[in-house]
Structure formats: C-alpha cells, structure tokens
C-alpha cells in the first residue's frame, strides 16, 4: 500500500487504534474499506474480513464470560443465603422442640417417661409434631421407641431434639 494511502488511517498508533476500532465496531468502517486501501491492494479485503470476524468473536466471548461470571457469583450468594435460611429454620425448630420437651417433662427430671408422653399426645403441639414427622397413626409405644435411642426407658432432651 502506498504510504500516502495508509497515512490517514494508520499514520501513528492512536490513529491506527482508532481505525481498527471503527472497523471492529463497524462504525464508519466503509470509508476505510472502500476507499483507497482496498483499491490499492485487494488482499486487504481478506485482512478486514478476518479482523472483523475475530474481533466480533472475541467481543462476544468476553461479554459472555462477564455474564456467566456474574451469574455464578449470584448463584453462590443465593446458595449461601439459602443455607443460612435453612440453618435458621433448623435452629428455630430445635428451639421449638426444646420448649415442647420442657412441656412434656411434667416432673422436671430432665427426661420424659412413657406416661408423660402418653399424656402429652393429647396436646395440639404434640399432634403437630407427629404430623410434621408423618407419624399420624403411630402409637405411644412406637413413638417412645423412636425417640429413646439408648433404650433406657427415658427420653432425654438430646434424644428428643
């Protein structure tokens, strides 16, 4: 390409970068493409087509990477929030079960015996607990056996919760 043809578009670094930016964004690129440069050497058409194709591909990949990174960050935050909510719900349920245990432990021994559990089965809170655990038709003995993990005949607060 003759220097007088390339000078207005590629004369220095800033002008070259501006020209390549215009070509990449397809902003006013036709003046560079259709004027003297392509007329002087038709092989420049291949350069411009490859340059535009590669730059569009790179730009799309960059934009996609940014969107995916943002989505992954949001997903991680959502996952952490969900884990915190589950943990809070678990602590609330455990606190509720501890309160219920204190209600069941009528004689304040720190354990619940079969008779206390049998009497407590009439309480609405205990009936809700059985529904929550899907033990709608469980007998008192079955329920006691389920909670009494060490088989000592008493249910401690740790066994109950």
N, C-alpha and C. Protein backbone atom coordinates (compact mmCIF):
# COMPACT_ATOMS: atom_id res chain seq x y z
N UNK A 1 0.86 -1.17 0.00
CA UNK A 1 0.00 0.00 0.00
C UNK A 1 0.91 1.23 0.00
N UNK A 2 0.61 2.16 -0.84
CA UNK A 2 1.39 3.40 -0.83
C UNK A 2 1.18 4.15 0.50
N UNK A 3 2.25 4.78 0.95
CA UNK A 3 2.21 5.46 2.24
C UNK A 3 1.18 6.57 2.28
N UNK A 4 1.01 7.27 1.22
CA UNK A 4 0.03 8.37 1.22
C UNK A 4 -1.40 7.84 1.36
N UNK A 5 -1.64 6.56 0.98
CA UNK A 5 -2.96 5.96 1.14
C UNK A 5 -3.17 5.51 2.58
N UNK A 6 -2.17 4.89 3.20
CA UNK A 6 -2.29 4.35 4.55
C UNK A 6 -2.13 5.41 5.63
N UNK A 7 -1.45 6.50 5.35
CA UNK A 7 -1.15 7.53 6.35
C UNK A 7 -2.39 8.07 7.07
N UNK A 8 -3.47 8.41 6.38
CA UNK A 8 -4.63 8.96 7.10
C UNK A 8 -5.28 7.97 8.07
N UNK A 9 -5.09 6.67 7.85
CA UNK A 9 -5.74 5.65 8.69
C UNK A 9 -4.79 4.94 9.65
N UNK A 10 -3.53 4.83 9.29
CA UNK A 10 -2.56 4.08 10.08
C UNK A 10 -1.27 4.88 10.27
N UNK A 11 -1.35 6.20 10.34
CA UNK A 11 -0.17 7.06 10.40
C UNK A 11 0.59 6.95 11.72
N UNK A 12 -0.12 6.84 12.82
CA UNK A 12 0.53 6.67 14.13
C UNK A 12 -0.30 5.68 14.94
N UNK A 13 0.14 5.40 16.15
CA UNK A 13 -0.51 4.37 16.98
C UNK A 13 -1.97 4.74 17.29
N UNK A 14 -2.19 5.97 17.70
CA UNK A 14 -3.55 6.38 18.07
C UNK A 14 -4.48 6.31 16.87
N UNK A 15 -4.02 6.78 15.72
CA UNK A 15 -4.85 6.73 14.52
C UNK A 15 -5.11 5.30 14.09
N UNK A 16 -4.08 4.45 14.20
CA UNK A 16 -4.24 3.03 13.85
C UNK A 16 -5.27 2.36 14.76
N UNK A 17 -5.18 2.63 16.07
CA UNK A 17 -6.12 2.03 17.01
C UNK A 17 -7.53 2.53 16.74
N UNK A 18 -7.67 3.82 16.45
CA UNK A 18 -8.99 4.36 16.15
C UNK A 18 -9.55 3.72 14.88
N UNK A 19 -8.72 3.58 13.86
CA UNK A 19 -9.16 2.97 12.61
C UNK A 19 -9.60 1.53 12.85
N UNK A 20 -8.80 0.76 13.60
CA UNK A 20 -9.16 -0.62 13.88
C UNK A 20 -10.42 -0.71 14.75
N UNK A 21 -10.58 0.24 15.67
CA UNK A 21 -11.80 0.28 16.49
C UNK A 21 -13.02 0.54 15.61
N UNK A 22 -12.90 1.48 14.69
CA UNK A 22 -14.01 1.77 13.78
C UNK A 22 -14.36 0.55 12.93
N UNK A 23 -13.34 -0.15 12.49
CA UNK A 23 -13.58 -1.34 11.68
C UNK A 23 -14.24 -2.43 12.53
N UNK A 24 -13.73 -2.64 13.76
CA UNK A 24 -14.26 -3.69 14.63
C UNK A 24 -15.72 -3.42 15.00
N UNK A 25 -16.06 -2.18 15.29
CA UNK A 25 -17.43 -1.85 15.69
C UNK A 25 -18.32 -1.55 14.49
N UNK A 26 -17.76 -1.65 13.32
CA UNK A 26 -18.46 -1.39 12.07
C UNK A 26 -18.99 0.05 12.01
N UNK A 27 -18.31 0.94 12.71
CA UNK A 27 -18.67 2.34 12.72
C UNK A 27 -17.79 3.08 11.72
N UNK A 28 -18.37 3.51 10.65
CA UNK A 28 -17.66 4.26 9.63
C UNK A 28 -16.52 3.44 9.01
N UNK A 29 -16.65 2.14 9.06
CA UNK A 29 -15.58 1.29 8.53
C UNK A 29 -15.58 1.27 7.01
N UNK A 30 -16.69 1.57 6.42
CA UNK A 30 -16.75 1.50 4.96
C UNK A 30 -15.86 2.54 4.30
N UNK A 31 -15.62 3.66 4.97
CA UNK A 31 -14.72 4.65 4.38
C UNK A 31 -13.30 4.11 4.29
N UNK A 32 -12.89 3.36 5.30
CA UNK A 32 -11.56 2.76 5.27
C UNK A 32 -11.53 1.62 4.27
N UNK A 33 -12.55 0.79 4.32
CA UNK A 33 -12.59 -0.41 3.49
C UNK A 33 -12.74 -0.07 2.01
N UNK A 34 -13.65 0.80 1.70
CA UNK A 34 -13.98 1.00 0.30
C UNK A 34 -13.09 2.01 -0.41
N UNK A 35 -12.39 2.78 0.32
CA UNK A 35 -11.59 3.81 -0.33
C UNK A 35 -10.28 3.24 -0.84
N UNK A 36 -9.31 3.99 -0.68
CA UNK A 36 -8.03 3.78 -1.34
C UNK A 36 -7.31 2.50 -0.95
N UNK A 37 -7.46 2.03 0.31
CA UNK A 37 -6.66 0.89 0.76
C UNK A 37 -7.03 -0.37 -0.01
N UNK A 38 -8.29 -0.69 -0.09
CA UNK A 38 -8.72 -1.89 -0.80
C UNK A 38 -8.50 -1.71 -2.30
N UNK A 39 -8.68 -0.51 -2.75
CA UNK A 39 -8.45 -0.25 -4.17
C UNK A 39 -6.97 -0.43 -4.52
N UNK A 40 -6.09 -0.09 -3.58
CA UNK A 40 -4.66 -0.21 -3.84
C UNK A 40 -4.21 -1.67 -3.81
N UNK A 41 -4.79 -2.46 -2.90
CA UNK A 41 -4.38 -3.86 -2.79
C UNK A 41 -5.61 -4.69 -2.37
N UNK A 42 -6.18 -5.48 -3.27
CA UNK A 42 -7.39 -6.27 -2.94
C UNK A 42 -7.20 -7.28 -1.82
N UNK A 43 -5.98 -7.67 -1.49
CA UNK A 43 -5.74 -8.62 -0.40
C UNK A 43 -6.13 -8.05 0.96
N UNK A 44 -6.25 -6.75 1.05
CA UNK A 44 -6.67 -6.15 2.30
C UNK A 44 -8.10 -6.52 2.66
N UNK A 45 -8.89 -6.91 1.66
CA UNK A 45 -10.26 -7.37 1.94
C UNK A 45 -10.24 -8.57 2.88
N UNK A 46 -9.33 -9.49 2.62
CA UNK A 46 -9.21 -10.69 3.47
C UNK A 46 -8.81 -10.27 4.89
N UNK A 47 -7.86 -9.32 4.99
CA UNK A 47 -7.45 -8.85 6.31
C UNK A 47 -8.64 -8.26 7.06
N UNK A 48 -9.40 -7.38 6.44
CA UNK A 48 -10.52 -6.73 7.10
C UNK A 48 -11.61 -7.73 7.49
N UNK A 49 -11.91 -8.67 6.63
CA UNK A 49 -12.93 -9.68 6.93
C UNK A 49 -12.49 -10.55 8.11
N UNK A 50 -11.24 -11.01 8.08
CA UNK A 50 -10.73 -11.81 9.20
C UNK A 50 -10.67 -11.00 10.49
N UNK A 51 -10.22 -9.76 10.39
CA UNK A 51 -10.13 -8.91 11.57
C UNK A 51 -11.52 -8.70 12.19
N UNK A 52 -12.50 -8.38 11.38
CA UNK A 52 -13.86 -8.17 11.89
C UNK A 52 -14.40 -9.46 12.52
N UNK A 53 -14.21 -10.59 11.84
CA UNK A 53 -14.71 -11.87 12.36
C UNK A 53 -14.06 -12.21 13.70
N UNK A 54 -12.76 -12.07 13.78
CA UNK A 54 -12.05 -12.41 15.02
C UNK A 54 -12.44 -11.46 16.15
N UNK A 55 -12.52 -10.17 15.86
CA UNK A 55 -12.86 -9.20 16.90
C UNK A 55 -14.29 -9.38 17.39
N UNK A 56 -15.21 -9.69 16.50
CA UNK A 56 -16.59 -9.94 16.93
C UNK A 56 -16.64 -11.19 17.82
N UNK A 57 -15.92 -12.22 17.43
CA UNK A 57 -15.87 -13.45 18.22
C UNK A 57 -15.27 -13.17 19.60
N UNK A 58 -14.17 -12.45 19.65
CA UNK A 58 -13.54 -12.12 20.93
C UNK A 58 -14.47 -11.27 21.79
N UNK A 59 -15.10 -10.29 21.19
CA UNK A 59 -16.02 -9.43 21.94
C UNK A 59 -17.19 -10.22 22.50
N UNK A 60 -17.77 -11.09 21.71
CA UNK A 60 -18.89 -11.91 22.19
C UNK A 60 -18.46 -12.85 23.30
N UNK A 61 -17.28 -13.44 23.16
CA UNK A 61 -16.77 -14.32 24.22
C UNK A 61 -16.53 -13.55 25.51
N UNK A 62 -16.01 -12.34 25.39
CA UNK A 62 -15.76 -11.52 26.57
C UNK A 62 -17.08 -11.15 27.26
N UNK A 63 -18.05 -10.75 26.49
CA UNK A 63 -19.36 -10.40 27.07
C UNK A 63 -20.01 -11.62 27.71
N UNK A 64 -19.92 -12.76 27.05
CA UNK A 64 -20.48 -13.99 27.60
C UNK A 64 -19.77 -14.37 28.91
N UNK A 65 -18.46 -14.23 28.94
CA UNK A 65 -17.71 -14.56 30.15
C UNK A 65 -18.13 -13.66 31.31
N UNK A 66 -18.33 -12.39 31.04
CA UNK A 66 -18.74 -11.47 32.10
C UNK A 66 -20.13 -11.84 32.62
N UNK A 67 -21.03 -12.15 31.72
CA UNK A 67 -22.39 -12.52 32.13
C UNK A 67 -22.37 -13.82 32.94
N UNK A 68 -21.62 -14.81 32.49
CA UNK A 68 -21.54 -16.09 33.21
C UNK A 68 -20.90 -15.90 34.58
N UNK A 69 -19.85 -15.10 34.65
CA UNK A 69 -19.20 -14.86 35.94
C UNK A 69 -20.17 -14.18 36.91
N UNK A 70 -20.92 -13.22 36.42
CA UNK A 70 -21.90 -12.53 37.26
C UNK A 70 -22.99 -13.51 37.72
N UNK A 71 -23.45 -14.36 36.82
CA UNK A 71 -24.49 -15.34 37.18
C UNK A 71 -23.96 -16.33 38.22
N UNK A 72 -22.72 -16.77 38.06
CA UNK A 72 -22.14 -17.71 39.02
C UNK A 72 -21.99 -17.06 40.40
N UNK A 73 -21.59 -15.80 40.42
CA UNK A 73 -21.45 -15.09 41.68
C UNK A 73 -22.80 -14.96 42.37
N UNK A 74 -23.84 -14.62 41.59
CA UNK A 74 -25.18 -14.51 42.15
C UNK A 74 -25.69 -15.85 42.65
N UNK A 75 -25.39 -16.91 41.91
CA UNK A 75 -25.82 -18.25 42.33
C UNK A 75 -25.16 -18.64 43.65
N UNK A 76 -23.89 -18.29 43.80
CA UNK A 76 -23.19 -18.61 45.05
C UNK A 76 -23.79 -17.83 46.22
N UNK A 77 -24.09 -16.56 45.98
CA UNK A 77 -24.71 -15.75 47.03
C UNK A 77 -26.08 -16.32 47.39
N UNK A 78 -26.86 -16.69 46.37
CA UNK A 78 -28.17 -17.28 46.61
C UNK A 78 -28.05 -18.59 47.40
N UNK A 79 -27.05 -19.37 47.07
CA UNK A 79 -26.83 -20.64 47.77
C UNK A 79 -26.47 -20.39 49.23
N UNK A 80 -25.64 -19.39 49.49
CA UNK A 80 -25.26 -19.07 50.86
C UNK A 80 -26.47 -18.55 51.65
N UNK A 81 -27.29 -17.73 51.01
CA UNK A 81 -28.49 -17.22 51.67
C UNK A 81 -29.44 -18.37 51.99
N UNK A 82 -29.61 -19.28 51.04
CA UNK A 82 -30.50 -20.43 51.25
C UNK A 82 -29.98 -21.31 52.40
N UNK A 83 -28.66 -21.53 52.44
CA UNK A 83 -28.08 -22.32 53.52
C UNK A 83 -28.29 -21.64 54.87
N UNK A 84 -28.14 -20.33 54.91
CA UNK A 84 -28.35 -19.57 56.15
C UNK A 84 -29.82 -19.65 56.57
N UNK A 85 -30.73 -19.54 55.61
CA UNK A 85 -32.16 -19.65 55.93
C UNK A 85 -32.51 -21.03 56.47
N UNK A 86 -31.94 -22.08 55.85
CA UNK A 86 -32.18 -23.44 56.34
C UNK A 86 -31.62 -23.62 57.75
N UNK A 87 -30.44 -23.07 57.98
CA UNK A 87 -29.83 -23.18 59.31
C UNK A 87 -30.67 -22.44 60.35
N UNK A 88 -31.16 -21.25 60.00
CA UNK A 88 -32.01 -20.51 60.92
C UNK A 88 -33.30 -21.26 61.20
N UNK A 89 -33.88 -21.86 60.16
CA UNK A 89 -35.11 -22.63 60.34
C UNK A 89 -34.86 -23.84 61.24
N UNK A 90 -33.71 -24.49 61.04
CA UNK A 90 -33.36 -25.64 61.87
C UNK A 90 -33.21 -25.23 63.33
N UNK A 91 -32.52 -24.11 63.57
CA UNK A 91 -32.36 -23.64 64.95
C UNK A 91 -33.71 -23.28 65.57
N UNK A 92 -34.59 -22.69 64.78
CA UNK A 92 -35.92 -22.35 65.29
C UNK A 92 -36.70 -23.61 65.64
N UNK A 93 -36.62 -24.63 64.78
CA UNK A 93 -37.33 -25.89 65.06
C UNK A 93 -36.74 -26.57 66.29
N UNK A 94 -35.41 -26.52 66.42
CA UNK A 94 -34.79 -27.14 67.60
C UNK A 94 -35.21 -26.41 68.87
N UNK A 95 -35.28 -25.08 68.81
CA UNK A 95 -35.73 -24.32 69.98
C UNK A 95 -37.17 -24.67 70.31
N UNK A 96 -37.99 -24.82 69.28
CA UNK A 96 -39.39 -25.20 69.50
C UNK A 96 -39.49 -26.59 70.11
N UNK A 97 -38.65 -27.52 69.65
CA UNK A 97 -38.65 -28.87 70.21
C UNK A 97 -38.17 -28.87 71.66
N UNK A 98 -37.20 -28.03 71.98
CA UNK A 98 -36.73 -27.95 73.38
C UNK A 98 -37.84 -27.41 74.28
N UNK A 99 -38.58 -26.41 73.79
CA UNK A 99 -39.72 -25.89 74.58
C UNK A 99 -40.76 -26.98 74.78
N UNK A 100 -41.05 -27.71 73.72
CA UNK A 100 -42.02 -28.79 73.81
C UNK A 100 -41.55 -29.85 74.79
N UNK A 101 -40.25 -30.15 74.78
CA UNK A 101 -39.71 -31.13 75.72
C UNK A 101 -39.93 -30.68 77.15
N UNK A 102 -39.72 -29.38 77.43
CA UNK A 102 -39.94 -28.88 78.79
C UNK A 102 -41.41 -29.01 79.19
N UNK A 103 -42.30 -28.84 78.21
CA UNK A 103 -43.73 -29.04 78.49
C UNK A 103 -44.02 -30.51 78.78
N UNK A 104 -43.39 -31.40 78.02
CA UNK A 104 -43.62 -32.84 78.20
C UNK A 104 -43.06 -33.34 79.52
N UNK A 105 -41.95 -32.77 79.96
CA UNK A 105 -41.28 -33.21 81.19
C UNK A 105 -42.01 -32.61 82.40
N UNK A 106 -43.14 -33.21 82.73
CA UNK A 106 -44.01 -32.70 83.80
C UNK A 106 -43.31 -32.74 85.15
N UNK A 107 -42.60 -33.82 85.44
CA UNK A 107 -41.97 -33.97 86.75
C UNK A 107 -40.60 -33.29 86.86
N UNK A 108 -40.17 -32.61 85.81
CA UNK A 108 -38.92 -31.83 85.77
C UNK A 108 -37.68 -32.64 86.11
N UNK A 109 -37.62 -33.88 85.64
CA UNK A 109 -36.46 -34.74 85.89
C UNK A 109 -35.42 -34.60 84.77
N UNK A 110 -35.78 -33.92 83.70
CA UNK A 110 -34.87 -33.80 82.57
C UNK A 110 -35.05 -34.93 81.57
N UNK A 111 -36.00 -35.81 81.86
CA UNK A 111 -36.32 -36.90 80.94
C UNK A 111 -37.83 -37.04 80.85
N UNK A 112 -38.28 -37.65 79.76
CA UNK A 112 -39.71 -37.91 79.57
C UNK A 112 -39.92 -39.42 79.62
N UNK A 113 -40.86 -39.84 80.48
CA UNK A 113 -41.20 -41.25 80.59
C UNK A 113 -42.41 -41.55 79.71
N UNK A 114 -42.74 -42.83 79.61
CA UNK A 114 -43.85 -43.25 78.75
C UNK A 114 -45.15 -42.60 79.16
N UNK A 115 -45.42 -42.50 80.47
CA UNK A 115 -46.67 -41.91 80.93
C UNK A 115 -46.76 -40.44 80.55
N UNK A 116 -45.66 -39.71 80.65
CA UNK A 116 -45.65 -38.30 80.28
C UNK A 116 -45.90 -38.13 78.79
N UNK A 117 -45.32 -39.02 78.00
CA UNK A 117 -45.52 -38.95 76.55
C UNK A 117 -46.97 -39.28 76.20
N UNK A 118 -47.53 -40.26 76.89
CA UNK A 118 -48.93 -40.65 76.64
C UNK A 118 -49.86 -39.47 76.94
N UNK A 119 -49.63 -38.78 78.04
CA UNK A 119 -50.46 -37.62 78.40
C UNK A 119 -50.25 -36.48 77.40
N UNK A 120 -49.02 -36.34 76.92
CA UNK A 120 -48.70 -35.24 76.01
C UNK A 120 -49.28 -35.44 74.62
N UNK A 121 -49.63 -36.67 74.28
CA UNK A 121 -50.17 -36.94 72.94
C UNK A 121 -51.50 -36.21 72.72
N UNK A 122 -52.12 -35.76 73.79
CA UNK A 122 -53.38 -35.02 73.66
C UNK A 122 -53.14 -33.54 73.36
N UNK A 123 -51.91 -33.07 73.54
CA UNK A 123 -51.59 -31.65 73.30
C UNK A 123 -51.56 -31.36 71.80
N UNK A 124 -52.11 -30.22 71.39
CA UNK A 124 -52.07 -29.86 69.95
C UNK A 124 -50.64 -29.73 69.42
N UNK A 125 -49.72 -29.26 70.25
CA UNK A 125 -48.33 -29.12 69.80
C UNK A 125 -47.72 -30.48 69.48
N UNK A 126 -48.04 -31.48 70.30
CA UNK A 126 -47.51 -32.82 70.08
C UNK A 126 -48.15 -33.43 68.84
N UNK A 127 -49.42 -33.16 68.63
CA UNK A 127 -50.09 -33.68 67.44
C UNK A 127 -49.50 -33.04 66.18
N UNK A 128 -49.16 -31.73 66.25
CA UNK A 128 -48.50 -31.08 65.10
C UNK A 128 -47.13 -31.69 64.84
N UNK A 129 -46.40 -32.01 65.93
CA UNK A 129 -45.09 -32.65 65.78
C UNK A 129 -45.24 -34.01 65.09
N UNK A 130 -46.23 -34.76 65.49
CA UNK A 130 -46.45 -36.07 64.85
C UNK A 130 -46.80 -35.92 63.38
N UNK A 131 -47.61 -34.88 63.06
CA UNK A 131 -47.91 -34.63 61.65
C UNK A 131 -46.67 -34.22 60.88
N UNK A 132 -45.85 -33.37 61.50
CA UNK A 132 -44.62 -32.91 60.85
C UNK A 132 -43.68 -34.08 60.57
N UNK A 133 -43.63 -35.03 61.51
CA UNK A 133 -42.78 -36.21 61.34
C UNK A 133 -43.48 -37.33 60.59
N UNK A 134 -44.71 -37.05 60.13
CA UNK A 134 -45.52 -38.01 59.39
C UNK A 134 -45.76 -39.29 60.20
N UNK A 135 -46.09 -39.08 61.47
CA UNK A 135 -46.37 -40.19 62.38
C UNK A 135 -47.83 -40.13 62.83
N UNK A 136 -48.72 -39.96 61.90
CA UNK A 136 -50.13 -39.75 62.22
C UNK A 136 -50.76 -40.94 62.95
N UNK A 137 -50.37 -42.15 62.60
CA UNK A 137 -51.00 -43.34 63.19
C UNK A 137 -50.07 -44.06 64.16
N UNK A 138 -49.03 -43.39 64.60
CA UNK A 138 -48.06 -44.05 65.49
C UNK A 138 -48.64 -44.17 66.89
N UNK A 139 -48.39 -45.32 67.52
CA UNK A 139 -48.82 -45.50 68.90
C UNK A 139 -47.80 -44.82 69.81
N UNK A 140 -48.19 -44.64 71.05
CA UNK A 140 -47.29 -44.02 72.03
C UNK A 140 -46.04 -44.86 72.20
N UNK A 141 -46.20 -46.19 72.23
CA UNK A 141 -45.04 -47.07 72.41
C UNK A 141 -44.08 -46.98 71.21
N UNK A 142 -44.65 -46.91 70.00
CA UNK A 142 -43.80 -46.77 68.81
C UNK A 142 -43.06 -45.44 68.82
N UNK A 143 -43.78 -44.38 69.20
CA UNK A 143 -43.18 -43.06 69.26
C UNK A 143 -42.10 -43.01 70.32
N UNK A 144 -42.36 -43.62 71.47
CA UNK A 144 -41.36 -43.64 72.54
C UNK A 144 -40.12 -44.41 72.10
N UNK A 145 -40.33 -45.54 71.43
CA UNK A 145 -39.19 -46.34 70.96
C UNK A 145 -38.38 -45.56 69.92
N UNK A 146 -39.05 -44.75 69.12
CA UNK A 146 -38.34 -43.98 68.11
C UNK A 146 -37.44 -42.92 68.76
N UNK A 147 -37.95 -42.27 69.82
CA UNK A 147 -37.17 -41.22 70.48
C UNK A 147 -36.12 -41.77 71.44
N UNK A 148 -36.39 -42.89 72.10
CA UNK A 148 -35.49 -43.45 73.11
C UNK A 148 -34.37 -44.22 72.42
N UNK A 149 -33.36 -43.49 71.99
CA UNK A 149 -32.28 -44.10 71.20
C UNK A 149 -31.38 -45.03 72.03
N UNK A 150 -31.17 -44.69 73.30
CA UNK A 150 -30.30 -45.54 74.12
C UNK A 150 -31.07 -46.62 74.88
N UNK A 151 -32.39 -46.71 74.67
CA UNK A 151 -33.25 -47.76 75.22
C UNK A 151 -33.17 -47.86 76.75
N UNK A 152 -33.08 -46.70 77.40
CA UNK A 152 -33.03 -46.72 78.87
C UNK A 152 -34.39 -46.49 79.51
N UNK A 153 -35.44 -46.38 78.72
CA UNK A 153 -36.79 -46.20 79.25
C UNK A 153 -37.14 -44.75 79.47
N UNK A 154 -36.23 -43.84 79.17
CA UNK A 154 -36.46 -42.41 79.31
C UNK A 154 -35.99 -41.70 78.04
N UNK A 155 -36.62 -40.58 77.72
CA UNK A 155 -36.20 -39.78 76.58
C UNK A 155 -35.55 -38.51 77.12
N UNK A 156 -34.27 -38.34 76.80
CA UNK A 156 -33.59 -37.10 77.22
C UNK A 156 -33.83 -36.01 76.18
N UNK A 157 -33.48 -34.79 76.54
CA UNK A 157 -33.69 -33.68 75.61
C UNK A 157 -32.85 -33.87 74.35
N UNK A 158 -31.65 -34.43 74.46
CA UNK A 158 -30.81 -34.67 73.29
C UNK A 158 -31.43 -35.72 72.36
N UNK A 159 -32.04 -36.74 72.96
CA UNK A 159 -32.70 -37.76 72.15
C UNK A 159 -33.95 -37.18 71.46
N UNK A 160 -34.64 -36.30 72.17
CA UNK A 160 -35.87 -35.74 71.63
C UNK A 160 -35.61 -34.77 70.49
N UNK A 161 -34.57 -33.97 70.64
CA UNK A 161 -34.25 -32.97 69.62
C UNK A 161 -33.43 -33.63 68.54
